[in-house]
Amino acid sequence: MSDSGATPTGDEHHRLGDESFMSAADLRGYMDKVAMAKMNEAVEAMDRARHAKDELAKTLSQPLDLTPKKLEEITESLLIKLRAAAERGETEIMVMRFPNTLCSDHGRAVNNAETSWPDTLTGRPRQAYELWRDRLRGSGYGLSALIVEWPNGMPGDVGMFLTWGKK
């Protein structure tokens, strides 16, 4: 501060002892810049997540070529997961999670637990259902689907769960 007793302007730095301080207005401006940078990072992260989800939906909308080798790979992976879950005492595992856009009704039938929910599936989720129906249902496995994510209170991702051992 000057000896003249004049009030310093917002652009001047003040000295307290031997430390330099910015004015309150400068500190608020700095805080605004930090907040804006954090918001920009959040928006960019949301954009990346939305892009990744769109790419996942695009990939999962394309059915797999279920060759005997591919079926063997799927079976081996599933058996490992089933054994591990059983060892933990669990009676279900999520076998697939996918965007609700892969349901023709965007997950409405799943959300309402309608028995026709499998009819709404497309792409790889449809294939997963058909594999259960054709290969696992006869062995006593169940299959259920639930909305597992609720962004902004709206149905989001769907989870398909393979179940067993329920009484």
C-alpha atoms as a PDB file:
ATOM      1  CA  MET A   1       0.000   0.000   0.000  1.00  0.00           C
ATOM      2  CA  SER A   2       1.173   3.485  -0.675  1.00  0.00           C
ATOM      3  CA  ASP A   3       1.898   5.939   2.079  1.00  0.00           C
ATOM      4  CA  SER A   4      -0.537   8.444   0.565  1.00  0.00           C
ATOM      5  CA  GLY A   5      -3.485   6.545   2.103  1.00  0.00           C
ATOM      6  CA  ALA A   6      -5.090   5.994  -1.315  1.00  0.00           C
ATOM      7  CA  THR A   7      -7.026   2.791  -1.805  1.00  0.00           C
ATOM      8  CA  PRO A   8      -5.225   0.484  -4.251  1.00  0.00           C
ATOM      9  CA  THR A   9      -6.971  -0.563  -7.456  1.00  0.00           C
ATOM     10  CA  GLY A  10      -7.898  -4.182  -8.261  1.00  0.00           C
ATOM     11  CA  ASP A  11      -4.901  -4.472 -10.565  1.00  0.00           C
ATOM     12  CA  GLU A  12      -2.348  -3.729  -7.872  1.00  0.00           C
ATOM     13  CA  HIS A  13      -0.810  -6.403  -5.721  1.00  0.00           C
ATOM     14  CA  HIS A  14      -0.775  -5.803  -2.000  1.00  0.00           C
ATOM     15  CA  ARG A  15       2.061  -6.601   0.315  1.00  0.00           C
ATOM     16  CA  LEU A  16       1.602  -8.042   3.735  1.00  0.00           C
ATOM     17  CA  GLY A  17       4.953  -8.416   5.406  1.00  0.00           C
ATOM     18  CA  ASP A  18       7.132  -9.808   2.662  1.00  0.00           C
ATOM     19  CA  GLU A  19       4.386 -11.785   0.854  1.00  0.00           C
ATOM     20  CA  SER A  20       2.598 -10.528  -2.249  1.00  0.00           C
ATOM     21  CA  PHE A  21      -1.204 -10.986  -2.364  1.00  0.00           C
ATOM     22  CA  MET A  22      -3.608 -10.605  -5.262  1.00  0.00           C
ATOM     23  CA  SER A  23      -6.732  -8.546  -4.798  1.00  0.00           C
ATOM     24  CA  ALA A  24     -10.049 -10.241  -3.987  1.00  0.00           C
ATOM     25  CA  ALA A  25     -11.225  -9.466  -7.536  1.00  0.00           C
ATOM     26  CA  ASP A  26      -8.093 -11.096  -8.973  1.00  0.00           C
ATOM     27  CA  LEU A  27      -8.619 -14.151  -6.761  1.00  0.00           C
ATOM     28  CA  ARG A  28     -12.267 -14.415  -7.893  1.00  0.00           C
ATOM     29  CA  GLY A  29     -11.113 -14.170 -11.503  1.00  0.00           C
ATOM     30  CA  TYR A  30      -8.582 -16.930 -10.878  1.00  0.00           C
ATOM     31  CA  MET A  31     -11.288 -19.088  -9.294  1.00  0.00           C
ATOM     32  CA  ASP A  32     -13.543 -18.497 -12.300  1.00  0.00           C
ATOM     33  CA  LYS A  33     -10.760 -19.602 -14.657  1.00  0.00           C
ATOM     34  CA  VAL A  34     -10.155 -22.766 -12.613  1.00  0.00           C
ATOM     35  CA  ALA A  35     -13.893 -23.539 -12.551  1.00  0.00           C
ATOM     36  CA  MET A  36     -14.147 -22.992 -16.308  1.00  0.00           C
ATOM     37  CA  ALA A  37     -11.182 -25.305 -16.931  1.00  0.00           C
ATOM     38  CA  LYS A  38     -12.799 -28.008 -14.772  1.00  0.00           C
ATOM     39  CA  MET A  39     -16.099 -27.614 -16.628  1.00  0.00           C
ATOM     40  CA  ASN A  40     -14.312 -27.896 -19.975  1.00  0.00           C
ATOM     41  CA  GLU A  41     -12.598 -31.083 -18.792  1.00  0.00           C
ATOM     42  CA  ALA A  42     -15.942 -32.504 -17.635  1.00  0.00           C
ATOM     43  CA  VAL A  43     -17.608 -31.680 -20.950  1.00  0.00           C
ATOM     44  CA  GLU A  44     -14.731 -33.261 -22.859  1.00  0.00           C
ATOM     45  CA  ALA A  45     -14.947 -36.383 -20.664  1.00  0.00           C
ATOM     46  CA  MET A  46     -18.711 -36.581 -21.264  1.00  0.00           C
ATOM     47  CA  ASP A  47     -18.130 -36.246 -25.005  1.00  0.00           C
ATOM     48  CA  ARG A  48     -15.531 -39.039 -24.909  1.00  0.00           C
ATOM     49  CA  ALA A  49     -17.892 -41.256 -22.899  1.00  0.00           C
ATOM     50  CA  ARG A  50     -20.789 -40.583 -25.278  1.00  0.00           C
ATOM     51  CA  HIS A  51     -18.556 -41.375 -28.259  1.00  0.00           C
ATOM     52  CA  ALA A  52     -17.366 -44.611 -26.624  1.00  0.00           C
ATOM     53  CA  LYS A  53     -20.963 -45.615 -25.869  1.00  0.00           C
ATOM     54  CA  ASP A  54     -21.977 -44.891 -29.471  1.00  0.00           C
ATOM     55  CA  GLU A  55     -19.075 -47.011 -30.721  1.00  0.00           C
ATOM     56  CA  LEU A  56     -20.031 -49.833 -28.340  1.00  0.00           C
ATOM     57  CA  ALA A  57     -23.645 -49.731 -29.548  1.00  0.00           C
ATOM     58  CA  LYS A  58     -22.435 -49.807 -33.143  1.00  0.00           C
ATOM     59  CA  THR A  59     -20.207 -52.814 -32.439  1.00  0.00           C
ATOM     60  CA  LEU A  60     -22.848 -54.697 -30.455  1.00  0.00           C
ATOM     61  CA  SER A  61     -25.481 -54.080 -33.114  1.00  0.00           C
ATOM     62  CA  GLN A  62     -23.481 -56.288 -35.504  1.00  0.00           C
ATOM     63  CA  PRO A  63     -24.073 -60.008 -34.819  1.00  0.00           C
ATOM     64  CA  LEU A  64     -21.046 -62.223 -34.347  1.00  0.00           C
ATOM     65  CA  ASP A  65     -20.205 -64.971 -36.785  1.00  0.00           C
ATOM     66  CA  LEU A  66     -20.875 -67.865 -34.421  1.00  0.00           C
ATOM     67  CA  THR A  67     -18.427 -70.384 -35.815  1.00  0.00           C
ATOM     68  CA  PRO A  68     -17.773 -73.551 -33.806  1.00  0.00           C
ATOM     69  CA  LYS A  69     -14.470 -72.006 -32.666  1.00  0.00           C
ATOM     70  CA  LYS A  70     -16.190 -68.784 -31.522  1.00  0.00           C
ATOM     71  CA  LEU A  71     -18.860 -70.791 -29.661  1.00  0.00           C
ATOM     72  CA  GLU A  72     -16.093 -72.756 -27.924  1.00  0.00           C
ATOM     73  CA  GLU A  73     -14.384 -69.494 -26.858  1.00  0.00           C
ATOM     74  CA  ILE A  74     -17.661 -68.111 -25.494  1.00  0.00           C
ATOM     75  CA  THR A  75     -18.391 -71.376 -23.652  1.00  0.00           C
ATOM     76  CA  GLU A  76     -14.926 -71.539 -22.072  1.00  0.00           C
ATOM     77  CA  SER A  77     -15.098 -67.931 -20.895  1.00  0.00           C
ATOM     78  CA  LEU A  78     -18.598 -68.430 -19.497  1.00  0.00           C
ATOM     79  CA  LEU A  79     -17.592 -71.608 -17.632  1.00  0.00           C
ATOM     80  CA  ILE A  80     -14.707 -69.790 -15.927  1.00  0.00           C
ATOM     81  CA  LYS A  81     -17.043 -66.977 -14.834  1.00  0.00           C
ATOM     82  CA  LEU A  82     -19.730 -69.416 -13.670  1.00  0.00           C
ATOM     83  CA  ARG A  83     -17.307 -71.445 -11.561  1.00  0.00           C
ATOM     84  CA  ALA A  84     -15.821 -68.324  -9.985  1.00  0.00           C
ATOM     85  CA  ALA A  85     -19.296 -66.984  -9.139  1.00  0.00           C
ATOM     86  CA  ALA A  86     -20.386 -70.347  -7.706  1.00  0.00           C
ATOM     87  CA  GLU A  87     -17.247 -70.451  -5.532  1.00  0.00           C
ATOM     88  CA  ARG A  88     -18.259 -67.044  -4.140  1.00  0.00           C
ATOM     89  CA  GLY A  89     -21.725 -68.416  -3.366  1.00  0.00           C
ATOM     90  CA  GLU A  90     -23.442 -66.293  -5.999  1.00  0.00           C
ATOM     91  CA  THR A  91     -26.434 -67.507  -8.004  1.00  0.00           C
ATOM     92  CA  GLU A  92     -26.230 -65.078 -10.911  1.00  0.00           C
ATOM     93  CA  ILE A  93     -23.749 -63.205 -13.070  1.00  0.00           C
ATOM     94  CA  MET A  94     -24.162 -60.351 -15.487  1.00  0.00           C
ATOM     95  CA  VAL A  95     -23.252 -61.848 -18.846  1.00  0.00           C
ATOM     96  CA  MET A  96     -23.791 -58.719 -20.910  1.00  0.00           C
ATOM     97  CA  ARG A  97     -24.285 -55.000 -20.463  1.00  0.00           C
ATOM     98  CA  PHE A  98     -25.384 -52.902 -23.403  1.00  0.00           C
ATOM     99  CA  PRO A  99     -26.978 -49.561 -24.288  1.00  0.00           C
ATOM    100  CA  ASN A 100     -30.766 -49.582 -24.267  1.00  0.00           C
ATOM    101  CA  THR A 101     -30.680 -48.461 -27.903  1.00  0.00           C
ATOM    102  CA  LEU A 102     -30.098 -52.141 -28.741  1.00  0.00           C
ATOM    103  CA  CYS A 103     -33.683 -52.784 -27.646  1.00  0.00           C
ATOM    104  CA  SER A 104     -36.256 -51.834 -30.258  1.00  0.00           C
ATOM    105  CA  ASP A 105     -38.258 -50.044 -27.527  1.00  0.00           C
ATOM    106  CA  HIS A 106     -35.194 -48.530 -25.763  1.00  0.00           C
ATOM    107  CA  GLY A 107     -35.621 -50.840 -22.778  1.00  0.00           C
ATOM    108  CA  ARG A 108     -39.305 -50.201 -22.001  1.00  0.00           C
ATOM    109  CA  ALA A 109     -40.238 -53.921 -21.930  1.00  0.00           C
ATOM    110  CA  VAL A 110     -37.162 -54.739 -19.832  1.00  0.00           C
ATOM    111  CA  ASN A 111     -37.966 -51.944 -17.398  1.00  0.00           C
ATOM    112  CA  ASN A 112     -41.560 -53.165 -17.062  1.00  0.00           C
ATOM    113  CA  ALA A 113     -40.476 -56.826 -16.722  1.00  0.00           C
ATOM    114  CA  GLU A 114     -42.690 -57.806 -19.632  1.00  0.00           C
ATOM    115  CA  THR A 115     -42.373 -61.434 -20.674  1.00  0.00           C
ATOM    116  CA  SER A 116     -41.869 -60.270 -24.267  1.00  0.00           C
ATOM    117  CA  TRP A 117     -38.683 -58.318 -23.467  1.00  0.00           C
ATOM    118  CA  PRO A 118     -36.498 -60.751 -25.484  1.00  0.00           C
ATOM    119  CA  ASP A 119     -38.464 -59.847 -28.628  1.00  0.00           C
ATOM    120  CA  THR A 120     -37.097 -56.290 -28.389  1.00  0.00           C
ATOM    121  CA  LEU A 121     -33.423 -57.346 -28.478  1.00  0.00           C
ATOM    122  CA  THR A 122     -31.269 -56.712 -31.536  1.00  0.00           C
ATOM    123  CA  GLY A 123     -27.681 -57.513 -32.528  1.00  0.00           C
ATOM    124  CA  ARG A 124     -25.426 -59.339 -30.096  1.00  0.00           C
ATOM    125  CA  PRO A 125     -27.839 -59.066 -27.163  1.00  0.00           C
ATOM    126  CA  ARG A 126     -30.332 -61.000 -29.314  1.00  0.00           C
ATOM    127  CA  GLN A 127     -27.634 -63.589 -30.028  1.00  0.00           C
ATOM    128  CA  ALA A 128     -26.880 -63.899 -26.303  1.00  0.00           C
ATOM    129  CA  TYR A 129     -30.557 -64.514 -25.620  1.00  0.00           C
ATOM    130  CA  GLU A 130     -30.712 -67.145 -28.380  1.00  0.00           C
ATOM    131  CA  LEU A 131     -27.606 -68.912 -27.018  1.00  0.00           C
ATOM    132  CA  TRP A 132     -29.248 -69.093 -23.605  1.00  0.00           C
ATOM    133  CA  ARG A 133     -32.567 -70.245 -25.105  1.00  0.00           C
ATOM    134  CA  ASP A 134     -30.974 -72.910 -27.311  1.00  0.00           C
ATOM    135  CA  ARG A 135     -28.112 -74.138 -25.116  1.00  0.00           C
ATOM    136  CA  LEU A 136     -28.572 -73.210 -21.444  1.00  0.00           C
ATOM    137  CA  ARG A 137     -32.267 -73.009 -20.614  1.00  0.00           C
ATOM    138  CA  GLY A 138     -32.650 -76.790 -20.904  1.00  0.00           C
ATOM    139  CA  SER A 139     -29.932 -77.218 -18.269  1.00  0.00           C
ATOM    140  CA  GLY A 140     -31.873 -75.165 -15.736  1.00  0.00           C
ATOM    141  CA  TYR A 141     -30.255 -71.760 -16.221  1.00  0.00           C
ATOM    142  CA  GLY A 142     -32.450 -68.691 -16.151  1.00  0.00           C
ATOM    143  CA  LEU A 143     -31.965 -65.389 -17.926  1.00  0.00           C
ATOM    144  CA  SER A 144     -33.216 -62.025 -16.778  1.00  0.00           C
ATOM    145  CA  ALA A 145     -32.686 -58.453 -17.858  1.00  0.00           C
ATOM    146  CA  LEU A 146     -32.756 -55.235 -15.859  1.00  0.00           C
ATOM    147  CA  ILE A 147     -32.050 -51.597 -16.463  1.00  0.00           C
ATOM    148  CA  VAL A 148     -28.742 -51.163 -14.597  1.00  0.00           C
ATOM    149  CA  GLU A 149     -28.123 -47.457 -15.161  1.00  0.00           C
ATOM    150  CA  TRP A 150     -30.445 -44.467 -14.849  1.00  0.00           C
ATOM    151  CA  PRO A 151     -28.791 -41.332 -16.297  1.00  0.00           C
ATOM    152  CA  ASN A 152     -30.873 -38.271 -15.475  1.00  0.00           C
ATOM    153  CA  GLY A 153     -33.656 -40.548 -14.234  1.00  0.00           C
ATOM    154  CA  MET A 154     -34.112 -42.179 -17.640  1.00  0.00           C
ATOM    155  CA  PRO A 155     -33.468 -45.847 -18.510  1.00  0.00           C
ATOM    156  CA  GLY A 156     -29.883 -46.372 -19.621  1.00  0.00           C
ATOM    157  CA  ASP A 157     -27.842 -49.538 -19.982  1.00  0.00           C
ATOM    158  CA  VAL A 158     -29.431 -52.973 -19.812  1.00  0.00           C
ATOM    159  CA  GLY A 159     -27.815 -55.851 -17.962  1.00  0.00           C
ATOM    160  CA  MET A 160     -28.523 -59.473 -18.864  1.00  0.00           C
ATOM    161  CA  PHE A 161     -28.073 -61.907 -15.985  1.00  0.00           C
ATOM    162  CA  LEU A 162     -27.610 -65.650 -16.133  1.00  0.00           C
ATOM    163  CA  THR A 163     -29.136 -67.259 -13.036  1.00  0.00           C
ATOM    164  CA  TRP A 164     -28.983 -70.702 -11.422  1.00  0.00           C
ATOM    165  CA  GLY A 165     -29.609 -72.436  -8.140  1.00  0.00           C
ATOM    166  CA  LYS A 166     -32.610 -70.380  -7.131  1.00  0.00           C
ATOM    167  CA  LYS A 167     -35.220 -72.268  -5.171  1.00  0.00           C
END
